[in-house]
Amino acid sequence: MSARISCDVAVVGGGLAGALIALALRRRRPDCDVRVIEASARLGGNHLWSFFASDIDPAHSWLIAPLIGHGWAGYDVAFPGHARSLRARYYSIESRHLDLVLRRTLPREALLLGREVTTVTPTSVQLAGGGLVEARGVIDCRGAADLSTLELGWQKFLGRELELTEPHAVAHPVVMDATVPQLDGYRFVYTLPFTPTRLFVEDTYYSDTPDIDVPALRERIDLHAARQGWQVERVLREEAGALPVVMGGDFDAYWRSGGEGVAKAGVRAGLFHPLTSYSLPDAVRTAALVADTASLEGAALHELLHGHARRTWRARGFYRMLSRMLFKAADPEARYKVLERFYRLDADLIARFYAGQSSVWDRVRVLSGKPPVPIGRAVQALRGRT
């Protein structure tokens, strides 16, 4: 196929970042001709994204609200020496619903699915097997660029959506249950109650390596379910991943590795929380930024998004330093103590932390007192590059 397609904006990658940009442009600029180019047959992949209400600017609720599938008024955490319930609105988005919303919102011709990409420039996308998309501007949202330019730890996980034979007793999301055996770094189980008999259960690790032993993690989830008294009727869905936790690195080298002069968004732009790895709040901000910008020309989009990503990188040195403390100062089996101490702090401070909006006083509070790691290692981590 050697068709030539012309449009205003070509979004490469139909994951979360690309999907939100396309939806934002459709909503704010309905006359803008947008094309979403995705290698797979569905949009959003096989994912679940969760976030706190405080992560999102209320001015951007118009973009995210139609995608929400589940919501709760609070959440729980549990550690060997501390358990707590916090009041905070918490939401989840399922990728299958994101796919449905995109298909309902965008014209059919806007979705180029099952199309591999060979070359991306600021104003064109070459498709594998022939075909060229020419645009006023291109935004590359295809996922991580060259991660070797960054100093990383990993947040890796296996999540399973379970249908139970009987109702469970989980009233709120359990964002961290670190009372489980500490293996391969900081380990916790994450649980979301979707319906009285449907749960999403994820086994998560802050690990030094990205390797995932899927069979072993399945067994651990089965063991956790058995200990909770849950009888599993069937597994509805499963997802696994290894997300980068950033301790430092060369932002400019990372940006260039994703395409010289090409506008980028999402993880490809380095737009994710350095310690939690969460990218949804940044994806929402970026989509709104693109939808409201004056020019959609390739060079202007590059300048806009490069500047936004670079400012965000500079503002998040504090979180990269905390990542260094977690990975460099704490022994793997004792990393939970860092999070246990953190969850004794003020609830509003915790909310601002997840949103990437920690105040100066928040930062002082996080670092004050005796650290839950060896002091010598903590000092070395604090002196490390961020």
Protein backbone atom coordinates (compact mmCIF):
# COMPACT_ATOMS: atom_id res chain seq x y z
CA MET A 1 0.00 0.00 0.00
CA SER A 2 1.55 3.32 -1.07
CA ALA A 3 -1.23 5.76 -0.22
CA ARG A 4 -0.34 9.31 0.75
CA ILE A 5 -2.41 10.80 3.56
CA SER A 6 -2.44 14.48 4.51
CA CYS A 7 -3.63 15.81 7.86
CA ASP A 8 -3.08 18.53 10.44
CA VAL A 9 -1.59 16.42 13.27
CA ALA A 10 -0.26 12.88 13.16
CA VAL A 11 -0.03 11.16 16.54
CA VAL A 12 2.31 8.16 16.45
CA GLY A 13 1.32 5.63 19.09
CA GLY A 14 -2.20 5.01 20.36
CA GLY A 15 -1.36 4.45 24.00
CA LEU A 16 -2.42 6.70 26.85
CA ALA A 17 -0.43 9.80 25.87
CA GLY A 18 -1.34 9.64 22.19
CA ALA A 19 -4.99 8.85 22.88
CA LEU A 20 -5.39 11.80 25.23
CA ILE A 21 -3.80 14.19 22.74
CA ALA A 22 -6.15 12.99 20.01
CA LEU A 23 -9.19 13.32 22.28
CA ALA A 24 -8.14 16.78 23.46
CA LEU A 25 -7.66 18.04 19.91
CA ARG A 26 -11.01 16.61 18.85
CA ARG A 27 -12.73 18.34 21.76
CA ARG A 28 -10.97 21.71 21.62
CA ARG A 29 -10.38 21.94 17.86
CA PRO A 30 -13.03 19.85 16.11
CA ASP A 31 -11.92 21.11 12.68
CA CYS A 32 -8.39 19.77 13.22
CA ASP A 33 -7.72 16.67 11.09
CA VAL A 34 -5.97 14.22 13.46
CA ARG A 35 -4.61 10.77 12.57
CA VAL A 36 -3.61 8.24 15.23
CA ILE A 37 -1.13 5.65 13.97
CA GLU A 38 -0.97 2.50 16.10
CA ALA A 39 0.91 -0.76 15.45
CA SER A 40 -1.66 -2.98 17.15
CA ALA A 41 -5.31 -3.55 16.31
CA ARG A 42 -6.56 -1.79 19.45
CA LEU A 43 -5.88 1.47 21.21
CA GLY A 44 -4.52 1.76 24.74
CA GLY A 45 -2.99 -1.71 24.79
CA ASN A 46 -3.75 -4.00 27.74
CA HIS A 47 -3.51 -1.65 30.71
CA LEU A 48 -5.14 -0.23 33.79
CA TRP A 49 -4.31 3.34 34.85
CA SER A 50 -5.18 4.72 38.28
CA PHE A 51 -4.83 8.18 39.77
CA PHE A 52 -5.87 10.43 42.62
CA ALA A 53 -8.31 13.27 41.96
CA SER A 54 -5.68 15.70 43.26
CA ASP A 55 -3.29 14.57 40.48
CA ILE A 56 -5.44 16.33 37.88
CA ASP A 57 -6.09 20.05 37.51
CA PRO A 58 -9.88 20.57 37.79
CA ALA A 59 -9.62 22.63 34.61
CA HIS A 60 -8.74 19.40 32.77
CA SER A 61 -11.59 17.27 34.11
CA TRP A 62 -13.41 17.56 30.77
CA LEU A 63 -10.71 15.39 29.23
CA ILE A 64 -10.35 12.65 31.82
CA ALA A 65 -13.89 12.29 33.21
CA PRO A 66 -15.37 10.39 30.22
CA LEU A 67 -12.67 7.72 30.55
CA ILE A 68 -13.11 6.84 34.23
CA GLY A 69 -14.55 3.39 34.87
CA HIS A 70 -14.18 3.07 38.65
CA GLY A 71 -13.95 5.46 41.59
CA TRP A 72 -13.58 5.29 45.37
CA ALA A 73 -13.67 7.77 48.26
CA GLY A 74 -10.50 6.53 49.98
CA TYR A 75 -7.70 4.00 50.02
CA ASP A 76 -5.70 1.89 52.46
CA VAL A 77 -2.02 1.11 53.01
CA ALA A 78 -0.46 -1.54 55.25
CA PHE A 79 3.12 -2.07 56.42
CA PRO A 80 4.64 -4.38 59.04
CA GLY A 81 4.53 -1.63 61.68
CA HIS A 82 1.83 0.72 60.40
CA ALA A 83 -1.55 0.63 58.66
CA ARG A 84 -3.66 3.57 57.60
CA SER A 85 -6.82 4.56 55.73
CA LEU A 86 -6.75 7.86 53.85
CA ARG A 87 -9.61 9.88 52.45
CA ALA A 88 -8.83 10.77 48.85
CA ARG A 89 -10.79 10.30 45.66
CA TYR A 90 -9.14 7.56 43.61
CA TYR A 91 -10.04 6.52 40.06
CA SER A 92 -9.18 3.88 37.48
CA ILE A 93 -9.34 3.77 33.68
CA GLU A 94 -9.38 0.50 31.76
CA SER A 95 -7.71 0.40 28.34
CA ARG A 96 -10.68 -1.35 26.74
CA HIS A 97 -12.86 1.65 27.69
CA LEU A 98 -10.24 4.08 26.36
CA ASP A 99 -10.33 2.18 23.06
CA LEU A 100 -14.12 2.40 22.96
CA VAL A 101 -14.18 6.16 23.69
CA LEU A 102 -11.63 6.86 20.98
CA ARG A 103 -13.55 4.85 18.39
CA ARG A 104 -16.76 6.67 19.29
CA THR A 105 -15.18 10.13 19.32
CA LEU A 106 -12.83 10.15 16.33
CA PRO A 107 -13.88 9.60 12.71
CA ARG A 108 -13.09 6.13 11.42
CA GLU A 109 -10.50 7.46 8.98
CA ALA A 110 -8.60 9.07 11.87
CA LEU A 111 -7.52 5.68 13.25
CA LEU A 112 -4.72 3.95 11.35
CA LEU A 113 -4.53 0.69 13.28
CA GLY A 114 -2.24 -2.25 12.66
CA ARG A 115 0.26 0.03 10.96
CA GLU A 116 3.97 -0.24 11.74
CA VAL A 117 6.10 2.88 11.41
CA THR A 118 9.59 3.01 9.91
CA THR A 119 10.51 6.71 9.99
CA VAL A 120 9.22 9.75 11.86
CA THR A 121 10.10 13.36 11.04
CA PRO A 122 8.61 16.60 12.41
CA THR A 123 6.08 16.63 9.55
CA SER A 124 5.81 13.07 8.20
CA VAL A 125 5.43 9.42 9.15
CA GLN A 126 6.60 6.66 6.84
CA LEU A 127 4.56 3.48 7.18
CA ALA A 128 5.99 -0.02 6.82
CA GLY A 129 5.00 -1.66 3.56
CA GLY A 130 4.45 1.69 1.89
CA GLY A 131 2.30 4.67 2.66
CA LEU A 132 3.17 8.12 3.92
CA VAL A 133 1.34 10.38 6.35
CA GLU A 134 2.15 14.05 5.83
CA ALA A 135 1.13 16.46 8.57
CA ARG A 136 1.58 20.03 9.67
CA GLY A 137 2.99 18.51 12.84
CA VAL A 138 3.85 15.07 14.20
CA ILE A 139 3.89 13.98 17.86
CA ASP A 140 5.68 10.74 18.70
CA CYS A 141 4.10 8.88 21.64
CA ARG A 142 5.49 5.39 21.05
CA GLY A 143 6.85 4.73 24.53
CA ALA A 144 10.33 4.83 25.99
CA ALA A 145 13.32 6.10 24.01
CA ASP A 146 16.90 5.07 24.91
CA LEU A 147 16.68 4.36 28.63
CA SER A 148 20.43 3.76 28.80
CA THR A 149 20.81 7.56 28.93
CA LEU A 150 19.15 7.50 32.37
CA GLU A 151 20.16 6.02 35.72
CA LEU A 152 17.33 3.69 36.63
CA GLY A 153 15.76 1.34 39.08
CA TRP A 154 12.58 -0.48 38.16
CA GLN A 155 9.00 -0.80 39.29
CA LYS A 156 7.90 -4.13 37.85
CA PHE A 157 4.59 -5.88 38.26
CA LEU A 158 2.17 -8.58 37.30
CA GLY A 159 -1.52 -7.75 37.62
CA ARG A 160 -4.45 -10.13 37.35
CA GLU A 161 -8.14 -9.34 37.17
CA LEU A 162 -9.95 -12.02 39.15
CA GLU A 163 -13.55 -13.16 39.15
CA LEU A 164 -14.40 -14.72 42.53
CA THR A 165 -16.99 -17.33 43.40
CA GLU A 166 -18.14 -15.33 46.44
CA PRO A 167 -18.16 -11.62 47.36
CA HIS A 168 -14.96 -10.27 48.87
CA ALA A 169 -14.70 -7.86 51.81
CA VAL A 170 -12.39 -5.25 50.21
CA ALA A 171 -14.13 -1.90 50.62
CA HIS A 172 -11.42 0.44 49.28
CA PRO A 173 -8.36 0.16 47.09
CA VAL A 174 -5.33 -1.17 48.93
CA VAL A 175 -2.65 0.90 47.24
CA MET A 176 0.19 -0.75 49.16
CA ASP A 177 0.11 -3.92 51.23
CA ALA A 178 3.75 -4.37 52.24
CA THR A 179 3.01 -6.92 54.94
CA VAL A 180 3.83 -9.59 52.33
CA PRO A 181 7.33 -11.16 52.31
CA GLN A 182 9.90 -8.69 50.97
CA LEU A 183 11.42 -10.26 47.86
CA ASP A 184 13.49 -8.81 45.00
CA GLY A 185 13.50 -5.31 46.48
CA TYR A 186 10.51 -3.47 47.96
CA ARG A 187 7.47 -5.66 47.37
CA PHE A 188 3.80 -4.85 47.89
CA VAL A 189 0.42 -6.09 46.69
CA TYR A 190 -1.99 -3.61 45.12
CA THR A 191 -5.73 -4.42 45.10
CA LEU A 192 -8.68 -2.69 43.46
CA PRO A 193 -12.26 -3.81 44.19
CA PHE A 194 -14.20 -3.36 40.93
CA THR A 195 -17.40 -5.22 41.89
CA PRO A 196 -18.39 -7.40 44.85
CA THR A 197 -16.88 -10.42 43.05
CA ARG A 198 -14.29 -8.81 40.77
CA LEU A 199 -10.83 -7.65 41.90
CA PHE A 200 -7.66 -6.45 40.27
CA VAL A 201 -4.65 -7.77 42.19
CA GLU A 202 -1.10 -6.70 41.33
CA ASP A 203 2.19 -7.97 42.73
CA THR A 204 4.67 -5.08 42.51
CA TYR A 205 8.42 -4.72 43.14
CA TYR A 206 10.84 -1.80 43.38
CA SER A 207 13.67 -3.87 41.99
CA ASP A 208 17.21 -3.37 40.72
CA THR A 209 16.40 -5.29 37.53
CA PRO A 210 13.50 -5.22 35.04
CA ASP A 211 13.30 -9.02 34.77
CA ILE A 212 9.87 -10.48 35.53
CA ASP A 213 9.36 -14.11 36.46
CA VAL A 214 5.71 -14.32 35.42
CA PRO A 215 5.03 -17.88 36.68
CA ALA A 216 6.51 -17.03 40.10
CA LEU A 217 4.42 -13.86 40.38
CA ARG A 218 1.29 -15.74 39.39
CA GLU A 219 1.94 -18.19 42.21
CA ARG A 220 2.43 -15.33 44.67
CA ILE A 221 -0.86 -13.73 43.63
CA ASP A 222 -2.60 -17.10 44.02
CA LEU A 223 -1.06 -17.47 47.48
CA HIS A 224 -2.14 -13.95 48.46
CA ALA A 225 -5.69 -14.65 47.25
CA ALA A 226 -5.80 -17.88 49.26
CA ARG A 227 -4.61 -16.09 52.40
CA GLN A 228 -7.42 -13.55 51.97
CA GLY A 229 -9.93 -16.37 51.67
CA TRP A 230 -10.80 -15.55 48.05
CA GLN A 231 -11.95 -18.42 45.85
CA VAL A 232 -10.96 -17.58 42.28
CA GLU A 233 -13.41 -18.72 39.62
CA ARG A 234 -11.37 -17.45 36.67
CA VAL A 235 -8.72 -14.96 35.62
CA LEU A 236 -10.29 -12.34 33.35
CA ARG A 237 -7.18 -10.45 32.31
CA GLU A 238 -3.47 -10.26 33.01
CA GLU A 239 -0.85 -7.58 32.43
CA ALA A 240 2.84 -7.31 33.24
CA GLY A 241 5.36 -4.52 32.90
CA ALA A 242 8.58 -2.94 34.09
CA LEU A 243 8.42 0.84 34.56
CA PRO A 244 11.53 3.00 34.92
CA VAL A 245 12.26 4.67 38.27
CA VAL A 246 14.63 7.53 37.53
CA MET A 247 17.58 8.39 39.78
CA GLY A 248 19.39 10.66 37.32
CA GLY A 249 20.69 10.87 33.80
CA ASP A 250 21.04 13.11 30.75
CA PHE A 251 17.64 14.54 29.79
CA ASP A 252 18.86 16.08 26.54
CA ALA A 253 20.44 12.80 25.40
CA TYR A 254 17.24 10.96 26.26
CA TRP A 255 15.12 13.44 24.30
CA ARG A 256 17.37 13.28 21.23
CA SER A 257 17.36 9.47 21.30
CA GLY A 258 13.62 9.55 20.70
CA GLY A 259 13.98 11.51 17.47
CA GLU A 260 15.97 14.65 16.68
CA GLY A 261 13.67 17.64 16.25
CA VAL A 262 10.51 15.55 16.61
CA ALA A 263 7.81 16.56 19.11
CA LYS A 264 7.27 13.89 21.75
CA ALA A 265 4.86 13.12 24.56
CA GLY A 266 4.38 10.53 27.28
CA VAL A 267 7.23 8.29 28.40
CA ARG A 268 9.09 9.06 25.15
CA ALA A 269 9.32 12.66 26.35
CA GLY A 270 10.40 11.64 29.85
CA LEU A 271 7.04 12.81 31.19
CA PHE A 272 6.37 10.53 34.13
CA HIS A 273 6.88 10.74 37.89
CA PRO A 274 10.51 9.75 38.61
CA LEU A 275 9.67 7.70 41.72
CA THR A 276 6.17 6.32 41.15
CA SER A 277 6.60 5.94 37.35
CA TYR A 278 3.01 7.13 36.86
CA SER A 279 2.47 8.92 33.56
CA LEU A 280 -1.27 9.66 33.50
CA PRO A 281 -1.19 13.09 35.21
CA ASP A 282 1.54 14.25 32.82
CA ALA A 283 -0.34 12.82 29.85
CA VAL A 284 -3.42 14.85 30.77
CA ARG A 285 -1.41 18.07 31.20
CA THR A 286 0.41 17.51 27.91
CA ALA A 287 -2.78 16.82 25.96
CA ALA A 288 -4.39 20.01 27.26
CA LEU A 289 -1.22 21.95 26.44
CA VAL A 290 -1.22 20.70 22.83
CA ALA A 291 -4.93 21.34 22.36
CA ASP A 292 -4.59 24.97 23.48
CA THR A 293 -1.35 25.89 21.70
CA ALA A 294 -1.37 28.52 18.96
CA SER A 295 0.52 26.56 16.30
CA LEU A 296 0.41 22.88 15.34
CA GLU A 297 3.37 23.13 12.98
CA GLY A 298 6.10 20.52 13.53
CA ALA A 299 8.80 22.94 14.69
CA ALA A 300 6.39 24.77 17.02
CA LEU A 301 5.16 21.52 18.55
CA HIS A 302 8.74 20.41 19.14
CA GLU A 303 9.60 23.68 20.85
CA LEU A 304 6.45 23.50 22.97
CA LEU A 305 6.85 19.92 24.13
CA HIS A 306 10.62 19.94 24.50
CA GLY A 307 10.37 23.05 26.67
CA HIS A 308 7.56 21.55 28.74
CA ALA A 309 9.40 18.25 29.27
CA ARG A 310 12.70 19.96 30.12
CA ARG A 311 11.08 22.27 32.68
CA THR A 312 9.33 19.27 34.23
CA TRP A 313 12.62 17.35 34.41
CA ARG A 314 14.35 20.25 36.16
CA ALA A 315 11.49 20.66 38.63
CA ARG A 316 11.62 16.98 39.65
CA GLY A 317 15.15 16.68 40.93
CA PHE A 318 13.76 16.13 44.42
CA TYR A 319 11.95 12.97 43.34
CA ARG A 320 14.99 11.63 41.51
CA MET A 321 16.99 12.18 44.69
CA LEU A 322 14.40 10.20 46.65
CA SER A 323 14.69 7.42 44.08
CA ARG A 324 18.43 7.39 44.69
CA MET A 325 17.85 7.14 48.42
CA LEU A 326 15.43 4.25 47.97
CA PHE A 327 17.71 2.27 45.65
CA LYS A 328 21.18 3.32 46.80
CA ALA A 329 20.78 3.85 50.54
CA ALA A 330 18.29 1.15 51.58
CA ASP A 331 19.01 -2.57 51.53
CA PRO A 332 16.50 -4.21 49.16
CA GLU A 333 14.71 -6.13 51.89
CA ALA A 334 14.44 -2.98 54.05
CA ARG A 335 13.19 -0.54 51.39
CA TYR A 336 9.66 -0.85 52.75
CA LYS A 337 10.79 1.19 55.79
CA VAL A 338 11.19 4.27 53.58
CA LEU A 339 7.58 4.02 52.40
CA GLU A 340 6.31 3.06 55.86
CA ARG A 341 7.79 6.26 57.27
CA PHE A 342 6.45 8.31 54.34
CA TYR A 343 2.90 7.09 54.99
CA ARG A 344 3.02 8.45 58.53
CA LEU A 345 3.15 11.99 57.13
CA ASP A 346 0.30 14.44 56.54
CA ALA A 347 -2.34 13.28 54.04
CA ASP A 348 -2.21 16.52 52.04
CA LEU A 349 1.58 16.20 51.77
CA ILE A 350 1.14 12.66 50.42
CA ALA A 351 -1.37 13.90 47.85
CA ARG A 352 0.95 16.66 46.64
CA PHE A 353 3.78 14.13 46.41
CA TYR A 354 1.83 11.85 44.06
CA ALA A 355 0.82 14.86 41.97
CA GLY A 356 4.48 15.91 41.65
CA GLN A 357 3.63 19.20 43.36
CA SER A 358 5.54 18.93 46.66
CA SER A 359 6.10 22.29 48.36
CA VAL A 360 9.38 23.36 49.89
CA TRP A 361 7.97 22.57 53.34
CA ASP A 362 6.82 19.16 52.09
CA ARG A 363 10.37 18.40 51.00
CA VAL A 364 11.74 19.44 54.37
CA ARG A 365 9.22 17.19 56.14
CA VAL A 366 10.05 14.20 53.93
CA LEU A 367 13.76 14.55 54.66
CA SER A 368 13.61 15.61 58.33
CA GLY A 369 14.32 13.33 61.25
CA LYS A 370 16.35 10.16 61.37
CA PRO A 371 16.25 8.50 57.96
CA PRO A 372 14.93 4.90 57.80
CA VAL A 373 18.17 3.91 56.04
CA PRO A 374 21.85 3.89 57.09
CA ILE A 375 22.90 7.53 57.55
CA GLY A 376 26.14 7.18 55.58
CA ARG A 377 24.34 5.77 52.59
CA ALA A 378 21.62 8.42 52.89
CA VAL A 379 24.22 11.19 52.73
CA GLN A 380 25.81 9.61 49.66
CA ALA A 381 22.42 9.35 47.97
CA LEU A 382 21.64 12.98 48.78
CA ARG A 383 24.91 14.03 47.18
CA GLY A 384 24.28 11.99 44.02
CA ARG A 385 23.47 13.51 40.65
CA THR A 386 19.78 14.27 40.04
